[in-house]
C-alpha cells in the first residue's frame, strides 16, 4: 500500500513579500480568463498598485501550498458604490470579498473553495453578519462556486468599462444565523 502525502495548505495575511507572487497570479489569471473570452479584468483594473494597497491595508490573504502562493483574495468591509442599488437581505456589518483568484496552473484543485471556507470562518469569527461579493456574469465557474456554496443572488450591478453585468451574492454568517 502506497501512502500519499497531502500538500500543506495554509492561508496567511499578505505581506510585502507576497506582492510579487500575488500580482503575478492575478495577471496570469486575467490573461487566462481573457483567452476564454471572459473580460472580467483588464490593464486598468486590477493593477499591481491595487495588490500593494491590499497588503498595506491588511486586507490581502494568500493561500500557500508547500510555501508557494497559489491563490489570493482581499477581504474588508468596503463596498463599491454600485452595491447601494442592491437589495441585500442580510444585515451589516458585511465582509466583502474582492479579487478572488487562483493561479491558472492550479485551477481545479479546490483552492477557491478553501479561500471561501477561510473567508466564511473569518467573517463569523470577526463579528460580520454577512458576506457580500460580486461575480462577473461571463464567468460561469465563479457564479457556480458561489451558488453551490449557498450564496443568495441579491441583484446585479454594472461597473465602468465592463461589457456585462456582475451578479451580487450574499450569505449570512453563522454569527448572524445564531442571533
N, C-alpha and C. Protein backbone atom coordinates (compact mmCIF):
# COMPACT_ATOMS: atom_id res chain seq x y z
N UNK A 1 0.84 -1.18 0.00
CA UNK A 1 0.00 0.00 0.00
C UNK A 1 0.89 1.23 0.00
N UNK A 2 0.59 2.15 -0.86
CA UNK A 2 1.38 3.37 -1.01
C UNK A 2 0.62 4.53 -0.36
N UNK A 3 1.26 5.18 0.59
CA UNK A 3 0.64 6.36 1.22
C UNK A 3 0.97 7.59 0.42
N UNK A 4 -0.04 8.45 0.27
CA UNK A 4 0.17 9.70 -0.45
C UNK A 4 0.21 10.84 0.55
N UNK A 5 1.26 11.62 0.49
CA UNK A 5 1.42 12.76 1.40
C UNK A 5 0.56 13.91 0.91
N UNK A 6 -0.26 14.46 1.81
CA UNK A 6 -1.09 15.62 1.47
C UNK A 6 -0.23 16.88 1.47
N UNK A 7 -0.51 17.76 0.53
CA UNK A 7 0.19 19.05 0.49
C UNK A 7 -0.21 19.88 1.70
N UNK A 8 0.73 20.66 2.21
CA UNK A 8 0.46 21.58 3.30
C UNK A 8 -0.10 22.87 2.71
N UNK A 9 -1.37 23.14 3.02
CA UNK A 9 -2.05 24.33 2.52
C UNK A 9 -2.33 25.24 3.70
N UNK A 10 -1.90 26.52 3.59
CA UNK A 10 -2.16 27.49 4.64
C UNK A 10 -2.67 28.78 4.00
N UNK A 11 -3.46 29.52 4.77
CA UNK A 11 -3.90 30.85 4.36
C UNK A 11 -3.29 31.82 5.35
N UNK A 12 -2.56 32.78 4.83
CA UNK A 12 -1.89 33.77 5.68
C UNK A 12 -2.17 35.17 5.18
N UNK A 13 -2.09 36.14 6.09
CA UNK A 13 -2.25 37.53 5.70
C UNK A 13 -1.08 37.92 4.80
N UNK A 14 -1.39 38.60 3.71
CA UNK A 14 -0.35 39.02 2.78
C UNK A 14 0.57 40.06 3.38
N UNK A 15 1.84 39.95 3.04
CA UNK A 15 2.86 40.90 3.47
C UNK A 15 3.52 41.48 2.22
N UNK A 16 4.37 42.48 2.37
CA UNK A 16 5.07 43.00 1.19
C UNK A 16 5.82 41.91 0.42
N UNK A 17 6.27 40.87 1.12
CA UNK A 17 6.97 39.78 0.44
C UNK A 17 6.05 38.97 -0.48
N UNK A 18 4.73 39.09 -0.32
CA UNK A 18 3.77 38.36 -1.15
C UNK A 18 3.32 39.14 -2.39
N UNK A 19 3.65 40.42 -2.47
CA UNK A 19 3.11 41.27 -3.54
C UNK A 19 3.46 40.72 -4.92
N UNK A 20 4.72 40.40 -5.16
CA UNK A 20 5.11 39.92 -6.49
C UNK A 20 4.33 38.68 -6.89
N UNK A 21 4.29 37.69 -6.01
CA UNK A 21 3.59 36.44 -6.33
C UNK A 21 2.10 36.67 -6.52
N UNK A 22 1.48 37.45 -5.64
CA UNK A 22 0.04 37.71 -5.75
C UNK A 22 -0.27 38.46 -7.05
N UNK A 23 0.56 39.44 -7.39
CA UNK A 23 0.33 40.18 -8.63
C UNK A 23 0.51 39.27 -9.85
N UNK A 24 1.56 38.47 -9.86
CA UNK A 24 1.80 37.57 -11.00
C UNK A 24 0.64 36.60 -11.19
N UNK A 25 0.10 36.07 -10.11
CA UNK A 25 -1.05 35.16 -10.20
C UNK A 25 -2.27 35.89 -10.74
N UNK A 26 -2.53 37.08 -10.22
CA UNK A 26 -3.68 37.83 -10.70
C UNK A 26 -3.54 38.16 -12.19
N UNK A 27 -2.35 38.54 -12.60
CA UNK A 27 -2.11 38.88 -14.00
C UNK A 27 -2.26 37.64 -14.90
N UNK A 28 -1.72 36.50 -14.46
CA UNK A 28 -1.89 35.26 -15.23
C UNK A 28 -3.36 34.87 -15.29
N UNK A 29 -4.06 35.06 -14.20
CA UNK A 29 -5.49 34.75 -14.16
C UNK A 29 -6.26 35.65 -15.13
N UNK A 30 -5.94 36.92 -15.12
CA UNK A 30 -6.58 37.87 -16.04
C UNK A 30 -6.38 37.44 -17.49
N UNK A 31 -5.15 37.07 -17.83
CA UNK A 31 -4.85 36.66 -19.21
C UNK A 31 -5.54 35.34 -19.56
N UNK A 32 -5.58 34.40 -18.62
CA UNK A 32 -6.24 33.11 -18.87
C UNK A 32 -7.75 33.29 -19.05
N UNK A 33 -8.35 34.16 -18.24
CA UNK A 33 -9.78 34.43 -18.40
C UNK A 33 -10.04 35.10 -19.75
N UNK A 34 -9.20 36.06 -20.09
CA UNK A 34 -9.34 36.76 -21.37
C UNK A 34 -9.26 35.77 -22.54
N UNK A 35 -8.36 34.80 -22.45
CA UNK A 35 -8.23 33.79 -23.51
C UNK A 35 -9.50 32.96 -23.64
N UNK A 36 -10.29 32.88 -22.58
CA UNK A 36 -11.57 32.17 -22.60
C UNK A 36 -12.73 33.10 -23.00
N UNK A 37 -12.40 34.35 -23.33
CA UNK A 37 -13.44 35.31 -23.70
C UNK A 37 -14.10 35.98 -22.51
N UNK A 38 -13.48 35.88 -21.34
CA UNK A 38 -14.03 36.47 -20.12
C UNK A 38 -13.23 37.73 -19.79
N UNK A 39 -13.78 38.89 -20.13
CA UNK A 39 -13.08 40.15 -19.88
C UNK A 39 -13.48 40.73 -18.52
N UNK A 40 -13.22 39.95 -17.50
CA UNK A 40 -13.56 40.34 -16.13
C UNK A 40 -12.63 41.45 -15.65
N UNK A 41 -11.35 41.32 -15.95
CA UNK A 41 -10.33 42.28 -15.55
C UNK A 41 -9.59 42.74 -16.79
N UNK A 42 -8.93 43.91 -16.68
CA UNK A 42 -8.19 44.43 -17.82
C UNK A 42 -6.90 45.09 -17.36
N UNK A 43 -6.25 45.84 -18.24
CA UNK A 43 -4.99 46.50 -17.90
C UNK A 43 -5.17 47.67 -16.93
N UNK A 44 -6.40 48.14 -16.78
CA UNK A 44 -6.68 49.28 -15.90
C UNK A 44 -7.02 48.82 -14.49
N UNK A 45 -7.70 47.69 -14.38
CA UNK A 45 -8.10 47.14 -13.07
C UNK A 45 -8.17 45.64 -13.15
N UNK A 46 -7.62 44.99 -12.16
CA UNK A 46 -6.80 45.49 -11.07
C UNK A 46 -5.34 45.60 -11.49
N UNK A 47 -4.60 46.38 -10.75
CA UNK A 47 -3.19 46.63 -11.03
C UNK A 47 -2.32 46.14 -9.86
N UNK A 48 -1.04 46.15 -10.10
CA UNK A 48 -0.10 45.81 -9.02
C UNK A 48 -0.30 46.77 -7.84
N UNK A 49 -0.60 48.04 -8.14
CA UNK A 49 -0.81 49.02 -7.07
C UNK A 49 -2.00 48.64 -6.20
N UNK A 50 -3.01 48.03 -6.79
CA UNK A 50 -4.17 47.56 -6.01
C UNK A 50 -3.72 46.48 -5.03
N UNK A 51 -2.88 45.56 -5.49
CA UNK A 51 -2.36 44.49 -4.62
C UNK A 51 -1.50 45.10 -3.51
N UNK A 52 -0.66 46.07 -3.86
CA UNK A 52 0.17 46.74 -2.85
C UNK A 52 -0.71 47.42 -1.80
N UNK A 53 -1.79 48.06 -2.24
CA UNK A 53 -2.71 48.71 -1.29
C UNK A 53 -3.42 47.67 -0.43
N UNK A 54 -3.77 46.53 -1.03
CA UNK A 54 -4.39 45.46 -0.24
C UNK A 54 -3.46 45.03 0.90
N UNK A 55 -2.18 44.87 0.59
CA UNK A 55 -1.21 44.48 1.62
C UNK A 55 -1.07 45.60 2.66
N UNK A 56 -0.90 46.83 2.19
CA UNK A 56 -0.71 47.96 3.11
C UNK A 56 -1.89 48.13 4.07
N UNK A 57 -3.09 47.78 3.60
CA UNK A 57 -4.29 47.93 4.42
C UNK A 57 -4.70 46.65 5.14
N UNK A 58 -3.86 45.63 5.06
CA UNK A 58 -4.10 44.39 5.80
C UNK A 58 -5.26 43.57 5.29
N UNK A 59 -5.65 43.74 4.02
CA UNK A 59 -6.81 43.01 3.52
C UNK A 59 -6.47 41.89 2.54
N UNK A 60 -5.19 41.72 2.20
CA UNK A 60 -4.82 40.63 1.29
C UNK A 60 -4.53 39.36 2.08
N UNK A 61 -5.11 38.26 1.60
CA UNK A 61 -4.85 36.94 2.16
C UNK A 61 -4.37 36.06 1.02
N UNK A 62 -3.35 35.27 1.29
CA UNK A 62 -2.82 34.38 0.26
C UNK A 62 -2.92 32.94 0.73
N UNK A 63 -3.20 32.07 -0.22
CA UNK A 63 -3.21 30.63 0.03
C UNK A 63 -1.88 30.09 -0.47
N UNK A 64 -1.16 29.45 0.43
CA UNK A 64 0.13 28.88 0.09
C UNK A 64 0.05 27.36 0.12
N UNK A 65 0.68 26.75 -0.85
CA UNK A 65 0.80 25.30 -0.90
C UNK A 65 2.29 24.99 -0.84
N UNK A 66 2.68 24.29 0.23
CA UNK A 66 4.10 24.00 0.45
C UNK A 66 4.94 25.28 0.37
N UNK A 67 4.39 26.38 0.91
CA UNK A 67 5.10 27.65 0.96
C UNK A 67 5.04 28.49 -0.30
N UNK A 68 4.36 28.00 -1.33
CA UNK A 68 4.27 28.73 -2.61
C UNK A 68 2.86 29.32 -2.76
N UNK A 69 2.78 30.62 -3.06
CA UNK A 69 1.48 31.28 -3.23
C UNK A 69 0.79 30.72 -4.47
N UNK A 70 -0.45 30.26 -4.29
CA UNK A 70 -1.23 29.68 -5.39
C UNK A 70 -2.54 30.42 -5.62
N UNK A 71 -2.97 31.25 -4.65
CA UNK A 71 -4.25 31.96 -4.78
C UNK A 71 -4.26 33.12 -3.80
N UNK A 72 -5.16 34.07 -4.06
CA UNK A 72 -5.28 35.21 -3.14
C UNK A 72 -6.69 35.76 -3.16
N UNK A 73 -6.99 36.54 -2.14
CA UNK A 73 -8.28 37.20 -2.02
C UNK A 73 -8.09 38.43 -1.12
N UNK A 74 -8.87 39.46 -1.37
CA UNK A 74 -8.90 40.62 -0.48
C UNK A 74 -10.21 40.59 0.29
N UNK A 75 -10.13 40.85 1.58
CA UNK A 75 -11.30 40.84 2.45
C UNK A 75 -11.34 42.13 3.26
N UNK A 76 -12.45 42.83 3.20
CA UNK A 76 -12.65 44.01 4.03
C UNK A 76 -14.14 44.34 4.05
N UNK A 77 -14.49 45.49 4.57
CA UNK A 77 -15.90 45.88 4.62
C UNK A 77 -16.25 46.94 3.58
N UNK A 78 -15.32 47.28 2.70
CA UNK A 78 -15.55 48.33 1.70
C UNK A 78 -16.46 47.80 0.58
N UNK A 79 -17.55 48.51 0.35
CA UNK A 79 -18.49 48.14 -0.68
C UNK A 79 -18.46 49.17 -1.80
N UNK A 80 -18.38 48.69 -3.03
CA UNK A 80 -18.41 49.59 -4.18
C UNK A 80 -19.70 50.40 -4.15
N UNK A 81 -19.67 51.65 -4.63
CA UNK A 81 -20.88 52.48 -4.63
C UNK A 81 -22.06 51.80 -5.34
N UNK A 82 -21.77 50.97 -6.33
CA UNK A 82 -22.83 50.27 -7.06
C UNK A 82 -23.63 49.34 -6.13
N UNK A 83 -23.04 48.90 -5.05
CA UNK A 83 -23.73 47.99 -4.13
C UNK A 83 -24.94 48.66 -3.48
N UNK A 84 -24.99 49.99 -3.45
CA UNK A 84 -26.12 50.69 -2.83
C UNK A 84 -27.44 50.41 -3.55
N UNK A 85 -27.37 50.01 -4.82
CA UNK A 85 -28.60 49.74 -5.57
C UNK A 85 -29.11 48.31 -5.38
N UNK A 86 -28.37 47.49 -4.65
CA UNK A 86 -28.73 46.09 -4.45
C UNK A 86 -29.62 45.94 -3.22
N UNK A 87 -30.60 45.08 -3.32
CA UNK A 87 -31.48 44.80 -2.18
C UNK A 87 -30.92 43.63 -1.38
N UNK A 88 -30.03 43.97 -0.48
CA UNK A 88 -29.39 42.95 0.35
C UNK A 88 -30.39 42.45 1.38
N UNK A 89 -30.40 41.17 1.64
CA UNK A 89 -31.35 40.58 2.58
C UNK A 89 -30.76 40.47 3.99
N UNK A 90 -29.44 40.37 4.06
CA UNK A 90 -28.81 40.14 5.35
C UNK A 90 -28.18 41.43 5.86
N UNK A 91 -28.06 41.49 7.17
CA UNK A 91 -27.63 42.72 7.80
C UNK A 91 -26.13 42.96 7.68
N UNK A 92 -25.76 44.15 8.09
CA UNK A 92 -24.36 44.54 8.18
C UNK A 92 -23.95 44.45 9.64
N UNK A 93 -22.70 44.41 9.96
CA UNK A 93 -21.59 44.62 9.04
C UNK A 93 -21.40 43.43 8.11
N UNK A 94 -20.98 43.74 6.91
CA UNK A 94 -20.75 42.72 5.90
C UNK A 94 -19.26 42.66 5.56
N UNK A 95 -18.75 41.45 5.45
CA UNK A 95 -17.41 41.25 4.94
C UNK A 95 -17.54 41.16 3.42
N UNK A 96 -16.73 41.92 2.71
CA UNK A 96 -16.81 41.93 1.25
C UNK A 96 -15.59 41.21 0.68
N UNK A 97 -15.85 40.30 -0.25
CA UNK A 97 -14.82 39.51 -0.91
C UNK A 97 -14.46 40.22 -2.21
N UNK A 98 -13.18 40.50 -2.40
CA UNK A 98 -12.69 41.18 -3.61
C UNK A 98 -11.58 40.33 -4.26
N UNK A 99 -11.57 40.28 -5.56
CA UNK A 99 -10.45 39.77 -6.35
C UNK A 99 -9.98 38.37 -5.96
N UNK A 100 -10.91 37.46 -5.73
CA UNK A 100 -10.54 36.07 -5.50
C UNK A 100 -9.94 35.54 -6.79
N UNK A 101 -8.72 35.05 -6.72
CA UNK A 101 -8.10 34.49 -7.93
C UNK A 101 -7.17 33.34 -7.56
N UNK A 102 -7.13 32.39 -8.48
CA UNK A 102 -6.30 31.20 -8.33
C UNK A 102 -5.37 31.14 -9.53
N UNK A 103 -4.12 30.78 -9.29
CA UNK A 103 -3.16 30.62 -10.38
C UNK A 103 -3.75 29.64 -11.40
N UNK A 104 -3.83 30.04 -12.68
CA UNK A 104 -4.41 29.14 -13.68
C UNK A 104 -3.77 27.75 -13.71
N UNK A 105 -2.51 27.65 -13.36
CA UNK A 105 -1.86 26.34 -13.30
C UNK A 105 -2.37 25.47 -12.17
N UNK A 106 -3.15 26.05 -11.28
CA UNK A 106 -3.70 25.32 -10.14
C UNK A 106 -5.22 25.28 -10.15
N UNK A 107 -5.84 25.69 -11.26
CA UNK A 107 -7.30 25.62 -11.34
C UNK A 107 -7.76 24.18 -11.16
N UNK A 108 -8.89 24.02 -10.52
CA UNK A 108 -9.49 22.70 -10.35
C UNK A 108 -8.98 21.93 -9.14
N UNK A 109 -8.17 22.54 -8.32
CA UNK A 109 -7.62 21.85 -7.14
C UNK A 109 -8.34 22.22 -5.85
N UNK A 110 -9.39 23.02 -5.94
CA UNK A 110 -10.17 23.37 -4.76
C UNK A 110 -9.66 24.56 -3.98
N UNK A 111 -8.71 25.31 -4.54
CA UNK A 111 -8.15 26.43 -3.78
C UNK A 111 -9.14 27.58 -3.60
N UNK A 112 -9.99 27.82 -4.58
CA UNK A 112 -11.02 28.87 -4.42
C UNK A 112 -11.98 28.47 -3.30
N UNK A 113 -12.33 27.21 -3.25
CA UNK A 113 -13.20 26.71 -2.18
C UNK A 113 -12.53 26.88 -0.82
N UNK A 114 -11.24 26.58 -0.75
CA UNK A 114 -10.53 26.72 0.52
C UNK A 114 -10.45 28.18 0.95
N UNK A 115 -10.25 29.10 0.00
CA UNK A 115 -10.23 30.52 0.35
C UNK A 115 -11.61 30.99 0.81
N UNK A 116 -12.67 30.49 0.17
CA UNK A 116 -14.01 30.87 0.61
C UNK A 116 -14.33 30.26 1.98
N UNK A 117 -13.88 29.04 2.24
CA UNK A 117 -14.03 28.48 3.59
C UNK A 117 -13.37 29.39 4.61
N UNK A 118 -12.16 29.85 4.28
CA UNK A 118 -11.44 30.76 5.17
C UNK A 118 -12.22 32.06 5.36
N UNK A 119 -12.70 32.66 4.25
CA UNK A 119 -13.44 33.92 4.33
C UNK A 119 -14.68 33.78 5.20
N UNK A 120 -15.39 32.68 5.06
CA UNK A 120 -16.61 32.48 5.84
C UNK A 120 -16.31 32.30 7.32
N UNK A 121 -15.25 31.58 7.64
CA UNK A 121 -14.83 31.45 9.05
C UNK A 121 -14.39 32.80 9.59
N UNK A 122 -13.60 33.52 8.80
CA UNK A 122 -13.10 34.84 9.21
C UNK A 122 -14.28 35.77 9.50
N UNK A 123 -15.27 35.77 8.63
CA UNK A 123 -16.44 36.65 8.82
C UNK A 123 -17.14 36.33 10.13
N UNK A 124 -17.38 35.06 10.39
CA UNK A 124 -18.08 34.68 11.61
C UNK A 124 -17.25 35.00 12.85
N UNK A 125 -15.96 34.72 12.79
CA UNK A 125 -15.08 34.94 13.95
C UNK A 125 -14.88 36.42 14.26
N UNK A 126 -15.03 37.29 13.25
CA UNK A 126 -14.80 38.71 13.45
C UNK A 126 -16.08 39.53 13.52
N UNK A 127 -17.20 38.88 13.75
CA UNK A 127 -18.45 39.58 14.01
C UNK A 127 -19.19 40.12 12.79
N UNK A 128 -18.85 39.68 11.61
CA UNK A 128 -19.58 40.11 10.42
C UNK A 128 -20.88 39.32 10.33
N UNK A 129 -21.97 40.01 10.05
CA UNK A 129 -23.27 39.35 9.96
C UNK A 129 -23.48 38.66 8.62
N UNK A 130 -22.79 39.15 7.61
CA UNK A 130 -22.97 38.57 6.27
C UNK A 130 -21.70 38.75 5.44
N UNK A 131 -21.70 38.05 4.32
CA UNK A 131 -20.62 38.18 3.34
C UNK A 131 -21.27 38.64 2.04
N UNK A 132 -20.64 39.59 1.38
CA UNK A 132 -21.12 40.11 0.10
C UNK A 132 -19.99 40.04 -0.92
N UNK A 133 -20.38 39.84 -2.17
CA UNK A 133 -19.40 39.81 -3.26
C UNK A 133 -20.13 39.95 -4.58
N UNK A 134 -19.35 40.17 -5.63
CA UNK A 134 -19.92 40.17 -6.97
C UNK A 134 -19.10 39.25 -7.85
N UNK A 135 -19.77 38.70 -8.87
CA UNK A 135 -19.13 37.78 -9.80
C UNK A 135 -19.55 38.18 -11.22
N UNK A 136 -18.57 38.25 -12.10
CA UNK A 136 -18.81 38.66 -13.49
C UNK A 136 -19.75 37.67 -14.18
N UNK A 137 -20.76 38.20 -14.85
CA UNK A 137 -21.78 37.36 -15.47
C UNK A 137 -21.21 36.41 -16.52
N UNK A 138 -20.09 36.76 -17.14
CA UNK A 138 -19.49 35.91 -18.17
C UNK A 138 -18.50 34.90 -17.60
N UNK A 139 -18.45 34.77 -16.27
CA UNK A 139 -17.55 33.82 -15.63
C UNK A 139 -18.37 32.73 -14.93
N UNK A 140 -18.80 31.73 -15.69
CA UNK A 140 -19.71 30.72 -15.12
C UNK A 140 -19.12 29.93 -13.96
N UNK A 141 -17.81 29.71 -13.95
CA UNK A 141 -17.21 28.94 -12.86
C UNK A 141 -17.36 29.67 -11.53
N UNK A 142 -17.14 31.00 -11.54
CA UNK A 142 -17.26 31.72 -10.27
C UNK A 142 -18.72 31.78 -9.81
N UNK A 143 -19.62 31.98 -10.74
CA UNK A 143 -21.04 32.01 -10.37
C UNK A 143 -21.46 30.67 -9.78
N UNK A 144 -21.02 29.60 -10.40
CA UNK A 144 -21.34 28.25 -9.91
C UNK A 144 -20.75 28.04 -8.51
N UNK A 145 -19.53 28.50 -8.29
CA UNK A 145 -18.90 28.35 -6.98
C UNK A 145 -19.77 28.96 -5.88
N UNK A 146 -20.23 30.18 -6.08
CA UNK A 146 -21.00 30.86 -5.03
C UNK A 146 -22.39 30.25 -4.87
N UNK A 147 -23.03 29.92 -5.96
CA UNK A 147 -24.36 29.29 -5.84
C UNK A 147 -24.24 27.93 -5.15
N UNK A 148 -23.22 27.15 -5.49
CA UNK A 148 -23.02 25.85 -4.87
C UNK A 148 -22.79 25.98 -3.36
N UNK A 149 -22.21 27.09 -2.95
CA UNK A 149 -21.93 27.31 -1.54
C UNK A 149 -23.14 27.87 -0.79
N UNK A 150 -24.24 28.11 -1.48
CA UNK A 150 -25.44 28.60 -0.82
C UNK A 150 -25.59 30.10 -0.79
N UNK A 151 -24.79 30.81 -1.55
CA UNK A 151 -24.92 32.27 -1.61
C UNK A 151 -26.21 32.64 -2.33
N UNK A 152 -26.86 33.66 -1.83
CA UNK A 152 -28.12 34.15 -2.38
C UNK A 152 -27.84 35.17 -3.47
N UNK A 153 -28.55 35.02 -4.60
CA UNK A 153 -28.49 36.04 -5.66
C UNK A 153 -29.21 37.27 -5.14
N UNK A 154 -28.51 38.38 -5.05
CA UNK A 154 -29.08 39.59 -4.47
C UNK A 154 -29.40 40.67 -5.51
N UNK A 155 -28.91 40.52 -6.71
CA UNK A 155 -29.15 41.53 -7.74
C UNK A 155 -27.98 41.62 -8.68
N UNK A 156 -27.98 42.67 -9.48
CA UNK A 156 -26.92 42.88 -10.46
C UNK A 156 -26.42 44.32 -10.39
N UNK A 157 -25.15 44.47 -10.71
CA UNK A 157 -24.55 45.81 -10.81
C UNK A 157 -23.71 45.87 -12.08
N UNK A 158 -23.42 47.08 -12.50
CA UNK A 158 -22.56 47.32 -13.66
C UNK A 158 -21.38 48.16 -13.20
N UNK A 159 -20.21 47.85 -13.73
CA UNK A 159 -19.01 48.62 -13.43
C UNK A 159 -18.51 49.27 -14.71
N UNK A 160 -17.88 50.43 -14.58
CA UNK A 160 -17.35 51.13 -15.77
C UNK A 160 -16.40 50.23 -16.57
N UNK A 161 -16.43 50.38 -17.88
CA UNK A 161 -15.57 49.67 -18.82
C UNK A 161 -15.87 48.18 -18.95
N UNK A 162 -16.86 47.66 -18.26
CA UNK A 162 -17.18 46.24 -18.35
C UNK A 162 -18.33 46.04 -19.33
N UNK A 163 -18.23 45.00 -20.13
CA UNK A 163 -19.26 44.74 -21.14
C UNK A 163 -20.53 44.16 -20.54
N UNK A 164 -20.38 43.38 -19.51
CA UNK A 164 -21.54 42.71 -18.92
C UNK A 164 -21.77 43.14 -17.49
N UNK A 165 -22.80 42.58 -16.91
CA UNK A 165 -23.12 42.91 -15.52
C UNK A 165 -22.42 41.93 -14.58
N UNK A 166 -22.49 42.25 -13.31
CA UNK A 166 -21.95 41.41 -12.25
C UNK A 166 -23.10 40.97 -11.37
N UNK A 167 -23.13 39.68 -11.04
CA UNK A 167 -24.13 39.17 -10.09
C UNK A 167 -23.63 39.49 -8.69
N UNK A 168 -24.52 39.98 -7.86
CA UNK A 168 -24.18 40.20 -6.46
C UNK A 168 -24.71 39.02 -5.65
N UNK A 169 -23.87 38.53 -4.77
CA UNK A 169 -24.22 37.39 -3.93
C UNK A 169 -24.01 37.76 -2.47
N UNK A 170 -24.77 37.09 -1.61
CA UNK A 170 -24.57 37.29 -0.17
C UNK A 170 -24.90 36.01 0.57
N UNK A 171 -24.32 35.93 1.76
CA UNK A 171 -24.52 34.79 2.63
C UNK A 171 -24.52 35.29 4.06
N UNK A 172 -25.51 34.84 4.85
CA UNK A 172 -25.49 35.16 6.27
C UNK A 172 -24.42 34.30 6.92
N UNK A 173 -23.69 34.87 7.84
CA UNK A 173 -22.66 34.09 8.52
C UNK A 173 -23.30 33.28 9.64
N UNK A 174 -22.56 32.33 10.16
CA UNK A 174 -23.06 31.55 11.29
C UNK A 174 -23.29 32.49 12.47
N UNK A 175 -22.55 33.60 12.52
CA UNK A 175 -22.71 34.61 13.55
C UNK A 175 -24.13 35.18 13.52
N UNK A 176 -24.62 35.54 12.33
CA UNK A 176 -25.94 36.16 12.22
C UNK A 176 -27.05 35.11 12.27
N UNK A 177 -26.75 33.87 11.86
CA UNK A 177 -27.76 32.82 11.89
C UNK A 177 -28.10 32.43 13.33
N UNK A 178 -27.15 32.65 14.24
CA UNK A 178 -27.39 32.26 15.63
C UNK A 178 -28.02 33.38 16.46
N UNK A 179 -28.25 34.52 15.84
CA UNK A 179 -28.83 35.65 16.57
C UNK A 179 -30.32 35.51 16.71
